[in-house]
Amino acid sequence: VSIGGNLKMEYPSIEEGVVFFPKSSAIGS
């Protein structure tokens, strides 16, 4: 799993009770 920012330095916001299954990602805003 990959979680993190983009080149504009925008980052994810993840609410309560979230699951990231294999090889998923959340990048940027």
mmCIF file of all heavy atoms, coordinates in Angstrom:
data_MODEL
# 
_entry.id   MODEL 
# 
loop_
_atom_site.group_PDB 
_atom_site.id 
_atom_site.type_symbol 
_atom_site.label_atom_id 
_atom_site.label_alt_id 
_atom_site.label_comp_id 
_atom_site.label_asym_id 
_atom_site.label_entity_id 
_atom_site.label_seq_id 
_atom_site.pdbx_PDB_ins_code 
_atom_site.Cartn_x 
_atom_site.Cartn_y 
_atom_site.Cartn_z 
_atom_site.occupancy 
_atom_site.B_iso_or_equiv 
_atom_site.pdbx_formal_charge 
_atom_site.auth_seq_id 
_atom_site.auth_comp_id 
_atom_site.auth_asym_id 
_atom_site.auth_atom_id 
_atom_site.pdbx_PDB_model_num 
ATOM 1   N N   . VAL A 1 1  ? 0.844   -1.202 0.000  1.00 0.00 ? 1  VAL A N   1 
ATOM 2   C CA  . VAL A 1 1  ? 0.000   0.000  0.000  1.00 0.00 ? 1  VAL A CA  1 
ATOM 3   C C   . VAL A 1 1  ? 0.877   1.248  0.000  1.00 0.00 ? 1  VAL A C   1 
ATOM 4   O O   . VAL A 1 1  ? 1.919   1.284  0.665  1.00 0.00 ? 1  VAL A O   1 
ATOM 5   C CB  . VAL A 1 1  ? -0.939  -0.001 1.230  1.00 0.00 ? 1  VAL A CB  1 
ATOM 6   C CG1 . VAL A 1 1  ? -1.620  1.354  1.407  1.00 0.00 ? 1  VAL A CG1 1 
ATOM 7   C CG2 . VAL A 1 1  ? -1.971  -1.108 1.097  1.00 0.00 ? 1  VAL A CG2 1 
ATOM 8   N N   . SER A 1 2  ? 0.455   2.273  -0.749 1.00 0.00 ? 2  SER A N   1 
ATOM 9   C CA  . SER A 1 2  ? 1.159   3.560  -0.758 1.00 0.00 ? 2  SER A CA  1 
ATOM 10  C C   . SER A 1 2  ? 0.192   4.679  -0.388 1.00 0.00 ? 2  SER A C   1 
ATOM 11  O O   . SER A 1 2  ? -0.873  4.808  -0.989 1.00 0.00 ? 2  SER A O   1 
ATOM 12  C CB  . SER A 1 2  ? 1.757   3.844  -2.140 1.00 0.00 ? 2  SER A CB  1 
ATOM 13  O OG  . SER A 1 2  ? 2.752   2.894  -2.469 1.00 0.00 ? 2  SER A OG  1 
ATOM 14  N N   . ILE A 1 3  ? 0.581   5.471  0.594  1.00 0.00 ? 3  ILE A N   1 
ATOM 15  C CA  . ILE A 1 3  ? -0.208  6.623  1.031  1.00 0.00 ? 3  ILE A CA  1 
ATOM 16  C C   . ILE A 1 3  ? 0.742   7.810  1.125  1.00 0.00 ? 3  ILE A C   1 
ATOM 17  O O   . ILE A 1 3  ? 1.779   7.716  1.786  1.00 0.00 ? 3  ILE A O   1 
ATOM 18  C CB  . ILE A 1 3  ? -0.864  6.373  2.401  1.00 0.00 ? 3  ILE A CB  1 
ATOM 19  C CG1 . ILE A 1 3  ? -1.822  5.183  2.329  1.00 0.00 ? 3  ILE A CG1 1 
ATOM 20  C CG2 . ILE A 1 3  ? -1.601  7.615  2.894  1.00 0.00 ? 3  ILE A CG2 1 
ATOM 21  C CD1 . ILE A 1 3  ? -2.352  4.747  3.690  1.00 0.00 ? 3  ILE A CD1 1 
ATOM 22  N N   . GLY A 1 4  ? 0.399   8.920  0.470  1.00 0.00 ? 4  GLY A N   1 
ATOM 23  C CA  . GLY A 1 4  ? 1.297   10.072 0.571  1.00 0.00 ? 4  GLY A CA  1 
ATOM 24  C C   . GLY A 1 4  ? 0.946   11.206 -0.371 1.00 0.00 ? 4  GLY A C   1 
ATOM 25  O O   . GLY A 1 4  ? -0.107  11.210 -1.001 1.00 0.00 ? 4  GLY A O   1 
ATOM 26  N N   . GLY A 1 5  ? 1.851   12.166 -0.448 1.00 0.00 ? 5  GLY A N   1 
ATOM 27  C CA  . GLY A 1 5  ? 1.596   13.403 -1.158 1.00 0.00 ? 5  GLY A CA  1 
ATOM 28  C C   . GLY A 1 5  ? 1.939   13.357 -2.639 1.00 0.00 ? 5  GLY A C   1 
ATOM 29  O O   . GLY A 1 5  ? 2.616   12.439 -3.114 1.00 0.00 ? 5  GLY A O   1 
ATOM 30  N N   . ASN A 1 6  ? 1.477   14.388 -3.349 1.00 0.00 ? 6  ASN A N   1 
ATOM 31  C CA  . ASN A 1 6  ? 1.828   14.563 -4.753 1.00 0.00 ? 6  ASN A CA  1 
ATOM 32  C C   . ASN A 1 6  ? 2.889   15.658 -4.891 1.00 0.00 ? 6  ASN A C   1 
ATOM 33  O O   . ASN A 1 6  ? 3.388   16.178 -3.887 1.00 0.00 ? 6  ASN A O   1 
ATOM 34  C CB  . ASN A 1 6  ? 0.574   14.891 -5.589 1.00 0.00 ? 6  ASN A CB  1 
ATOM 35  C CG  . ASN A 1 6  ? -0.141  16.150 -5.100 1.00 0.00 ? 6  ASN A CG  1 
ATOM 36  O OD1 . ASN A 1 6  ? 0.451   17.013 -4.443 1.00 0.00 ? 6  ASN A OD1 1 
ATOM 37  N ND2 . ASN A 1 6  ? -1.421  16.258 -5.422 1.00 0.00 ? 6  ASN A ND2 1 
ATOM 38  N N   . LEU A 1 7  ? 3.220   16.018 -6.116 1.00 0.00 ? 7  LEU A N   1 
ATOM 39  C CA  . LEU A 1 7  ? 4.276   17.006 -6.336 1.00 0.00 ? 7  LEU A CA  1 
ATOM 40  C C   . LEU A 1 7  ? 3.870   18.402 -5.891 1.00 0.00 ? 7  LEU A C   1 
ATOM 41  O O   . LEU A 1 7  ? 4.727   19.283 -5.725 1.00 0.00 ? 7  LEU A O   1 
ATOM 42  C CB  . LEU A 1 7  ? 4.671   17.019 -7.815 1.00 0.00 ? 7  LEU A CB  1 
ATOM 43  C CG  . LEU A 1 7  ? 5.370   15.751 -8.325 1.00 0.00 ? 7  LEU A CG  1 
ATOM 44  C CD1 . LEU A 1 7  ? 5.657   15.861 -9.812 1.00 0.00 ? 7  LEU A CD1 1 
ATOM 45  C CD2 . LEU A 1 7  ? 6.654   15.477 -7.553 1.00 0.00 ? 7  LEU A CD2 1 
ATOM 46  N N   . LYS A 1 8  ? 2.579   18.628 -5.684 1.00 0.00 ? 8  LYS A N   1 
ATOM 47  C CA  . LYS A 1 8  ? 2.102   19.919 -5.192 1.00 0.00 ? 8  LYS A CA  1 
ATOM 48  C C   . LYS A 1 8  ? 2.053   19.963 -3.664 1.00 0.00 ? 8  LYS A C   1 
ATOM 49  O O   . LYS A 1 8  ? 1.548   20.919 -3.082 1.00 0.00 ? 8  LYS A O   1 
ATOM 50  C CB  . LYS A 1 8  ? 0.710   20.211 -5.752 1.00 0.00 ? 8  LYS A CB  1 
ATOM 51  C CG  . LYS A 1 8  ? 0.680   20.394 -7.259 1.00 0.00 ? 8  LYS A CG  1 
ATOM 52  C CD  . LYS A 1 8  ? -0.747  20.709 -7.735 1.00 0.00 ? 8  LYS A CD  1 
ATOM 53  C CE  . LYS A 1 8  ? -0.791  20.893 -9.232 1.00 0.00 ? 8  LYS A CE  1 
ATOM 54  N NZ  . LYS A 1 8  ? -2.185  21.199 -9.694 1.00 0.00 ? 8  LYS A NZ  1 
ATOM 55  N N   . MET A 1 9  ? 2.594   18.915 -3.028 1.00 0.00 ? 9  MET A N   1 
ATOM 56  C CA  . MET A 1 9  ? 2.610   18.818 -1.563 1.00 0.00 ? 9  MET A CA  1 
ATOM 57  C C   . MET A 1 9  ? 1.194   18.787 -0.990 1.00 0.00 ? 9  MET A C   1 
ATOM 58  O O   . MET A 1 9  ? 0.911   19.347 0.063  1.00 0.00 ? 9  MET A O   1 
ATOM 59  C CB  . MET A 1 9  ? 3.414   19.976 -0.950 1.00 0.00 ? 9  MET A CB  1 
ATOM 60  C CG  . MET A 1 9  ? 4.807   20.138 -1.521 1.00 0.00 ? 9  MET A CG  1 
ATOM 61  S SD  . MET A 1 9  ? 5.877   18.698 -1.222 1.00 0.00 ? 9  MET A SD  1 
ATOM 62  C CE  . MET A 1 9  ? 6.252   18.938 0.520  1.00 0.00 ? 9  MET A CE  1 
ATOM 63  N N   . GLU A 1 10 ? 0.306   18.104 -1.701 1.00 0.00 ? 10 GLU A N   1 
ATOM 64  C CA  . GLU A 1 10 ? -1.058  17.865 -1.221 1.00 0.00 ? 10 GLU A CA  1 
ATOM 65  C C   . GLU A 1 10 ? -1.120  16.446 -0.686 1.00 0.00 ? 10 GLU A C   1 
ATOM 66  O O   . GLU A 1 10 ? -0.529  15.524 -1.269 1.00 0.00 ? 10 GLU A O   1 
ATOM 67  C CB  . GLU A 1 10 ? -2.064  18.052 -2.360 1.00 0.00 ? 10 GLU A CB  1 
ATOM 68  C CG  . GLU A 1 10 ? -2.082  19.459 -2.934 1.00 0.00 ? 10 GLU A CG  1 
ATOM 69  C CD  . GLU A 1 10 ? -2.875  19.573 -4.211 1.00 0.00 ? 10 GLU A CD  1 
ATOM 70  O OE1 . GLU A 1 10 ? -2.900  18.580 -4.976 1.00 0.00 ? 10 GLU A OE1 1 
ATOM 71  O OE2 . GLU A 1 10 ? -3.471  20.640 -4.452 1.00 0.00 ? 10 GLU A OE2 1 
ATOM 72  N N   . TYR A 1 11 ? -1.846  16.260 0.421  1.00 0.00 ? 11 TYR A N   1 
ATOM 73  C CA  . TYR A 1 11 ? -1.800  14.985 1.113  1.00 0.00 ? 11 TYR A CA  1 
ATOM 74  C C   . TYR A 1 11 ? -3.198  14.420 1.354  1.00 0.00 ? 11 TYR A C   1 
ATOM 75  O O   . TYR A 1 11 ? -4.175  15.173 1.470  1.00 0.00 ? 11 TYR A O   1 
ATOM 76  C CB  . TYR A 1 11 ? -1.069  15.141 2.450  1.00 0.00 ? 11 TYR A CB  1 
ATOM 77  C CG  . TYR A 1 11 ? 0.331   15.666 2.296  1.00 0.00 ? 11 TYR A CG  1 
ATOM 78  C CD1 . TYR A 1 11 ? 0.612   17.017 2.503  1.00 0.00 ? 11 TYR A CD1 1 
ATOM 79  C CD2 . TYR A 1 11 ? 1.369   14.832 1.904  1.00 0.00 ? 11 TYR A CD2 1 
ATOM 80  C CE1 . TYR A 1 11 ? 1.899   17.514 2.335  1.00 0.00 ? 11 TYR A CE1 1 
ATOM 81  C CE2 . TYR A 1 11 ? 2.651   15.312 1.742  1.00 0.00 ? 11 TYR A CE2 1 
ATOM 82  C CZ  . TYR A 1 11 ? 2.912   16.655 1.958  1.00 0.00 ? 11 TYR A CZ  1 
ATOM 83  O OH  . TYR A 1 11 ? 4.186   17.141 1.786  1.00 0.00 ? 11 TYR A OH  1 
ATOM 84  N N   . PRO A 1 12 ? -3.307  13.099 1.471  1.00 0.00 ? 12 PRO A N   1 
ATOM 85  C CA  . PRO A 1 12 ? -4.617  12.475 1.669  1.00 0.00 ? 12 PRO A CA  1 
ATOM 86  C C   . PRO A 1 12 ? -5.220  12.765 3.042  1.00 0.00 ? 12 PRO A C   1 
ATOM 87  O O   . PRO A 1 12 ? -4.502  13.011 4.022  1.00 0.00 ? 12 PRO A O   1 
ATOM 88  C CB  . PRO A 1 12 ? -4.318  10.977 1.525  1.00 0.00 ? 12 PRO A CB  1 
ATOM 89  C CG  . PRO A 1 12 ? -3.010  10.891 0.821  1.00 0.00 ? 12 PRO A CG  1 
ATOM 90  C CD  . PRO A 1 12 ? -2.245  12.103 1.256  1.00 0.00 ? 12 PRO A CD  1 
ATOM 91  N N   . SER A 1 13 ? -6.527  12.703 3.084  1.00 0.00 ? 13 SER A N   1 
ATOM 92  C CA  . SER A 1 13 ? -7.286  12.776 4.333  1.00 0.00 ? 13 SER A CA  1 
ATOM 93  C C   . SER A 1 13 ? -8.148  11.519 4.409  1.00 0.00 ? 13 SER A C   1 
ATOM 94  O O   . SER A 1 13 ? -8.972  11.270 3.523  1.00 0.00 ? 13 SER A O   1 
ATOM 95  C CB  . SER A 1 13 ? -8.159  14.032 4.359  1.00 0.00 ? 13 SER A CB  1 
ATOM 96  O OG  . SER A 1 13 ? -8.948  14.077 5.528  1.00 0.00 ? 13 SER A OG  1 
ATOM 97  N N   . ILE A 1 14 ? -7.936  10.739 5.448  1.00 0.00 ? 14 ILE A N   1 
ATOM 98  C CA  . ILE A 1 14 ? -8.565  9.422  5.549  1.00 0.00 ? 14 ILE A CA  1 
ATOM 99  C C   . ILE A 1 14 ? -9.418  9.378  6.814  1.00 0.00 ? 14 ILE A C   1 
ATOM 100 O O   . ILE A 1 14 ? -8.901  9.522  7.928  1.00 0.00 ? 14 ILE A O   1 
ATOM 101 C CB  . ILE A 1 14 ? -7.489  8.313  5.573  1.00 0.00 ? 14 ILE A CB  1 
ATOM 102 C CG1 . ILE A 1 14 ? -6.631  8.390  4.306  1.00 0.00 ? 14 ILE A CG1 1 
ATOM 103 C CG2 . ILE A 1 14 ? -8.127  6.940  5.706  1.00 0.00 ? 14 ILE A CG2 1 
ATOM 104 C CD1 . ILE A 1 14 ? -5.368  7.568  4.365  1.00 0.00 ? 14 ILE A CD1 1 
ATOM 105 N N   . GLU A 1 15 ? -10.708 9.176  6.637  1.00 0.00 ? 15 GLU A N   1 
ATOM 106 C CA  . GLU A 1 15 ? -11.628 9.175  7.765  1.00 0.00 ? 15 GLU A CA  1 
ATOM 107 C C   . GLU A 1 15 ? -11.576 7.843  8.523  1.00 0.00 ? 15 GLU A C   1 
ATOM 108 O O   . GLU A 1 15 ? -10.865 6.914  8.145  1.00 0.00 ? 15 GLU A O   1 
ATOM 109 C CB  . GLU A 1 15 ? -13.049 9.474  7.287  1.00 0.00 ? 15 GLU A CB  1 
ATOM 110 C CG  . GLU A 1 15 ? -13.223 10.840 6.633  1.00 0.00 ? 15 GLU A CG  1 
ATOM 111 C CD  . GLU A 1 15 ? -12.961 11.994 7.588  1.00 0.00 ? 15 GLU A CD  1 
ATOM 112 O OE1 . GLU A 1 15 ? -13.159 11.831 8.795  1.00 0.00 ? 15 GLU A OE1 1 
ATOM 113 O OE2 . GLU A 1 15 ? -12.551 13.074 7.110  1.00 0.00 ? 15 GLU A OE2 1 
ATOM 114 N N   . GLU A 1 16 ? -12.358 7.755  9.573  1.00 0.00 ? 16 GLU A N   1 
ATOM 115 C CA  . GLU A 1 16 ? -12.352 6.582  10.448 1.00 0.00 ? 16 GLU A CA  1 
ATOM 116 C C   . GLU A 1 16 ? -12.889 5.338  9.729  1.00 0.00 ? 16 GLU A C   1 
ATOM 117 O O   . GLU A 1 16 ? -13.821 5.412  8.935  1.00 0.00 ? 16 GLU A O   1 
ATOM 118 C CB  . GLU A 1 16 ? -13.207 6.871  11.685 1.00 0.00 ? 16 GLU A CB  1 
ATOM 119 C CG  . GLU A 1 16 ? -13.185 5.789  12.740 1.00 0.00 ? 16 GLU A CG  1 
ATOM 120 C CD  . GLU A 1 16 ? -13.946 6.190  13.981 1.00 0.00 ? 16 GLU A CD  1 
ATOM 121 O OE1 . GLU A 1 16 ? -13.441 7.052  14.730 1.00 0.00 ? 16 GLU A OE1 1 
ATOM 122 O OE2 . GLU A 1 16 ? -15.053 5.660  14.197 1.00 0.00 ? 16 GLU A OE2 1 
ATOM 123 N N   . GLY A 1 17 ? -12.265 4.200  10.031 1.00 0.00 ? 17 GLY A N   1 
ATOM 124 C CA  . GLY A 1 17 ? -12.762 2.935  9.522  1.00 0.00 ? 17 GLY A CA  1 
ATOM 125 C C   . GLY A 1 17 ? -12.515 2.713  8.045  1.00 0.00 ? 17 GLY A C   1 
ATOM 126 O O   . GLY A 1 17 ? -13.438 2.376  7.304  1.00 0.00 ? 17 GLY A O   1 
ATOM 127 N N   . VAL A 1 18 ? -11.269 2.870  7.608  1.00 0.00 ? 18 VAL A N   1 
ATOM 128 C CA  . VAL A 1 18 ? -10.914 2.667  6.200  1.00 0.00 ? 18 VAL A CA  1 
ATOM 129 C C   . VAL A 1 18 ? -9.913  1.518  6.106  1.00 0.00 ? 18 VAL A C   1 
ATOM 130 O O   . VAL A 1 18 ? -8.993  1.414  6.923  1.00 0.00 ? 18 VAL A O   1 
ATOM 131 C CB  . VAL A 1 18 ? -10.315 3.945  5.573  1.00 0.00 ? 18 VAL A CB  1 
ATOM 132 C CG1 . VAL A 1 18 ? -9.751  3.666  4.187  1.00 0.00 ? 18 VAL A CG1 1 
ATOM 133 C CG2 . VAL A 1 18 ? -11.375 5.043  5.501  1.00 0.00 ? 18 VAL A CG2 1 
ATOM 134 N N   . VAL A 1 19 ? -10.085 0.668  5.104  1.00 0.00 ? 19 VAL A N   1 
ATOM 135 C CA  . VAL A 1 19 ? -9.135  -0.420 4.866  1.00 0.00 ? 19 VAL A CA  1 
ATOM 136 C C   . VAL A 1 19 ? -8.545  -0.275 3.469  1.00 0.00 ? 19 VAL A C   1 
ATOM 137 O O   . VAL A 1 19 ? -9.257  -0.018 2.497  1.00 0.00 ? 19 VAL A O   1 
ATOM 138 C CB  . VAL A 1 19 ? -9.797  -1.811 5.039  1.00 0.00 ? 19 VAL A CB  1 
ATOM 139 C CG1 . VAL A 1 19 ? -11.035 -1.969 4.170  1.00 0.00 ? 19 VAL A CG1 1 
ATOM 140 C CG2 . VAL A 1 19 ? -8.789  -2.926 4.761  1.00 0.00 ? 19 VAL A CG2 1 
ATOM 141 N N   . PHE A 1 20 ? -7.221  -0.423 3.377  1.00 0.00 ? 20 PHE A N   1 
ATOM 142 C CA  . PHE A 1 20 ? -6.504  -0.442 2.109  1.00 0.00 ? 20 PHE A CA  1 
ATOM 143 C C   . PHE A 1 20 ? -6.063  -1.882 1.845  1.00 0.00 ? 20 PHE A C   1 
ATOM 144 O O   . PHE A 1 20 ? -5.209  -2.414 2.556  1.00 0.00 ? 20 PHE A O   1 
ATOM 145 C CB  . PHE A 1 20 ? -5.278  0.464  2.164  1.00 0.00 ? 20 PHE A CB  1 
ATOM 146 C CG  . PHE A 1 20 ? -5.574  1.931  2.107  1.00 0.00 ? 20 PHE A CG  1 
ATOM 147 C CD1 . PHE A 1 20 ? -5.814  2.650  3.262  1.00 0.00 ? 20 PHE A CD1 1 
ATOM 148 C CD2 . PHE A 1 20 ? -5.616  2.599  0.890  1.00 0.00 ? 20 PHE A CD2 1 
ATOM 149 C CE1 . PHE A 1 20 ? -6.091  4.011  3.223  1.00 0.00 ? 20 PHE A CE1 1 
ATOM 150 C CE2 . PHE A 1 20 ? -5.881  3.961  0.832  1.00 0.00 ? 20 PHE A CE2 1 
ATOM 151 C CZ  . PHE A 1 20 ? -6.125  4.667  1.999  1.00 0.00 ? 20 PHE A CZ  1 
ATOM 152 N N   . PHE A 1 21 ? -6.645  -2.494 0.834  1.00 0.00 ? 21 PHE A N   1 
ATOM 153 C CA  . PHE A 1 21 ? -6.269  -3.854 0.484  1.00 0.00 ? 21 PHE A CA  1 
ATOM 154 C C   . PHE A 1 21 ? -4.991  -3.850 -0.364 1.00 0.00 ? 21 PHE A C   1 
ATOM 155 O O   . PHE A 1 21 ? -4.501  -2.785 -0.750 1.00 0.00 ? 21 PHE A O   1 
ATOM 156 C CB  . PHE A 1 21 ? -7.438  -4.543 -0.218 1.00 0.00 ? 21 PHE A CB  1 
ATOM 157 C CG  . PHE A 1 21 ? -8.547  -4.937 0.726  1.00 0.00 ? 21 PHE A CG  1 
ATOM 158 C CD1 . PHE A 1 21 ? -9.737  -4.232 0.759  1.00 0.00 ? 21 PHE A CD1 1 
ATOM 159 C CD2 . PHE A 1 21 ? -8.368  -5.993 1.604  1.00 0.00 ? 21 PHE A CD2 1 
ATOM 160 C CE1 . PHE A 1 21 ? -10.753 -4.586 1.645  1.00 0.00 ? 21 PHE A CE1 1 
ATOM 161 C CE2 . PHE A 1 21 ? -9.377  -6.358 2.497  1.00 0.00 ? 21 PHE A CE2 1 
ATOM 162 C CZ  . PHE A 1 21 ? -10.567 -5.650 2.517  1.00 0.00 ? 21 PHE A CZ  1 
ATOM 163 N N   . PRO A 1 22 ? -4.402  -5.039 -0.658 1.00 0.00 ? 22 PRO A N   1 
ATOM 164 C CA  . PRO A 1 22 ? -3.079  -5.105 -1.271 1.00 0.00 ? 22 PRO A CA  1 
ATOM 165 C C   . PRO A 1 22 ? -2.912  -4.264 -2.539 1.00 0.00 ? 22 PRO A C   1 
ATOM 166 O O   . PRO A 1 22 ? -3.782  -4.223 -3.407 1.00 0.00 ? 22 PRO A O   1 
ATOM 167 C CB  . PRO A 1 22 ? -2.917  -6.594 -1.580 1.00 0.00 ? 22 PRO A CB  1 
ATOM 168 C CG  . PRO A 1 22 ? -3.717  -7.270 -0.520 1.00 0.00 ? 22 PRO A CG  1 
ATOM 169 C CD  . PRO A 1 22 ? -4.905  -6.384 -0.321 1.00 0.00 ? 22 PRO A CD  1 
ATOM 170 N N   . LYS A 1 23 ? -1.766  -3.582 -2.604 1.00 0.00 ? 23 LYS A N   1 
ATOM 171 C CA  . LYS A 1 23 ? -1.321  -2.796 -3.755 1.00 0.00 ? 23 LYS A CA  1 
ATOM 172 C C   . LYS A 1 23 ? -2.269  -1.652 -4.109 1.00 0.00 ? 23 LYS A C   1 
ATOM 173 O O   . LYS A 1 23 ? -2.284  -1.204 -5.269 1.00 0.00 ? 23 LYS A O   1 
ATOM 174 C CB  . LYS A 1 23 ? -1.092  -3.720 -4.960 1.00 0.00 ? 23 LYS A CB  1 
ATOM 175 C CG  . LYS A 1 23 ? 0.023   -4.737 -4.745 1.00 0.00 ? 23 LYS A CG  1 
ATOM 176 C CD  . LYS A 1 23 ? 0.290   -5.564 -5.986 1.00 0.00 ? 23 LYS A CD  1 
ATOM 177 C CE  . LYS A 1 23 ? 1.432   -6.540 -5.742 1.00 0.00 ? 23 LYS A CE  1 
ATOM 178 N NZ  . LYS A 1 23 ? 1.725   -7.373 -6.945 1.00 0.00 ? 23 LYS A NZ  1 
ATOM 179 N N   . SER A 1 24 ? -3.023  -1.181 -3.152 1.00 0.00 ? 24 SER A N   1 
ATOM 180 C CA  . SER A 1 24 ? -3.847  0.010  -3.382 1.00 0.00 ? 24 SER A CA  1 
ATOM 181 C C   . SER A 1 24 ? -3.057  1.244  -2.952 1.00 0.00 ? 24 SER A C   1 
ATOM 182 O O   . SER A 1 24 ? -2.052  1.144  -2.250 1.00 0.00 ? 24 SER A O   1 
ATOM 183 C CB  . SER A 1 24 ? -5.165  -0.083 -2.610 1.00 0.00 ? 24 SER A CB  1 
ATOM 184 O OG  . SER A 1 24 ? -4.935  -0.198 -1.215 1.00 0.00 ? 24 SER A OG  1 
ATOM 185 N N   . SER A 1 25 ? -3.533  2.418  -3.386 1.00 0.00 ? 25 SER A N   1 
ATOM 186 C CA  . SER A 1 25 ? -2.812  3.638  -3.040 1.00 0.00 ? 25 SER A CA  1 
ATOM 187 C C   . SER A 1 25 ? -3.756  4.828  -2.985 1.00 0.00 ? 25 SER A C   1 
ATOM 188 O O   . SER A 1 25 ? -4.809  4.847  -3.622 1.00 0.00 ? 25 SER A O   1 
ATOM 189 C CB  . SER A 1 25 ? -1.700  3.916  -4.064 1.00 0.00 ? 25 SER A CB  1 
ATOM 190 O OG  . SER A 1 25 ? -2.236  4.165  -5.347 1.00 0.00 ? 25 SER A OG  1 
ATOM 191 N N   . ALA A 1 26 ? -3.354  5.811  -2.191 1.00 0.00 ? 26 ALA A N   1 
ATOM 192 C CA  . ALA A 1 26 ? -4.043  7.108  -2.116 1.00 0.00 ? 26 ALA A CA  1 
ATOM 193 C C   . ALA A 1 26 ? -2.968  8.180  -2.133 1.00 0.00 ? 26 ALA A C   1 
ATOM 194 O O   . ALA A 1 26 ? -2.203  8.321  -1.180 1.00 0.00 ? 26 ALA A O   1 
ATOM 195 C CB  . ALA A 1 26 ? -4.889  7.199  -0.861 1.00 0.00 ? 26 ALA A CB  1 
ATOM 196 N N   . ILE A 1 27 ? -2.907  8.927  -3.226 1.00 0.00 ? 27 ILE A N   1 
ATOM 197 C CA  . ILE A 1 27 ? -1.857  9.920  -3.430 1.00 0.00 ? 27 ILE A CA  1 
ATOM 198 C C   . ILE A 1 27 ? -2.489  11.291 -3.664 1.00 0.00 ? 27 ILE A C   1 
ATOM 199 O O   . ILE A 1 27 ? -3.487  11.418 -4.380 1.00 0.00 ? 27 ILE A O   1 
ATOM 200 C CB  . ILE A 1 27 ? -0.964  9.548  -4.628 1.00 0.00 ? 27 ILE A CB  1 
ATOM 201 C CG1 . ILE A 1 27 ? -0.359  8.148  -4.454 1.00 0.00 ? 27 ILE A CG1 1 
ATOM 202 C CG2 . ILE A 1 27 ? 0.142   10.581 -4.827 1.00 0.00 ? 27 ILE A CG2 1 
ATOM 203 C CD1 . ILE A 1 27 ? 0.538   7.992  -3.248 1.00 0.00 ? 27 ILE A CD1 1 
ATOM 204 N N   . GLY A 1 28 ? -1.886  12.298 -3.067 1.00 0.00 ? 28 GLY A N   1 
ATOM 205 C CA  . GLY A 1 28 ? -2.357  13.665 -3.290 1.00 0.00 ? 28 GLY A CA  1 
ATOM 206 C C   . GLY A 1 28 ? -3.547  14.018 -2.418 1.00 0.00 ? 28 GLY A C   1 
ATOM 207 O O   . GLY A 1 28 ? -3.719  13.489 -1.323 1.00 0.00 ? 28 GLY A O   1 
ATOM 208 N N   . SER A 1 29 ? -4.388  14.908 -2.912 1.00 0.00 ? 29 SER A N   1 
ATOM 209 C CA  . SER A 1 29 ? -5.478  15.472 -2.107 1.00 0.00 ? 29 SER A CA  1 
ATOM 210 C C   . SER A 1 29 ? -6.707  14.566 -2.046 1.00 0.00 ? 29 SER A C   1 
ATOM 211 O O   . SER A 1 29 ? -7.847  15.043 -2.123 1.00 0.00 ? 29 SER A O   1 
ATOM 212 C CB  . SER A 1 29 ? -5.871  16.844 -2.657 1.00 0.00 ? 29 SER A CB  1 
ATOM 213 O OG  . SER A 1 29 ? -6.302  16.737 -4.006 1.00 0.00 ? 29 SER A OG  1 
# 
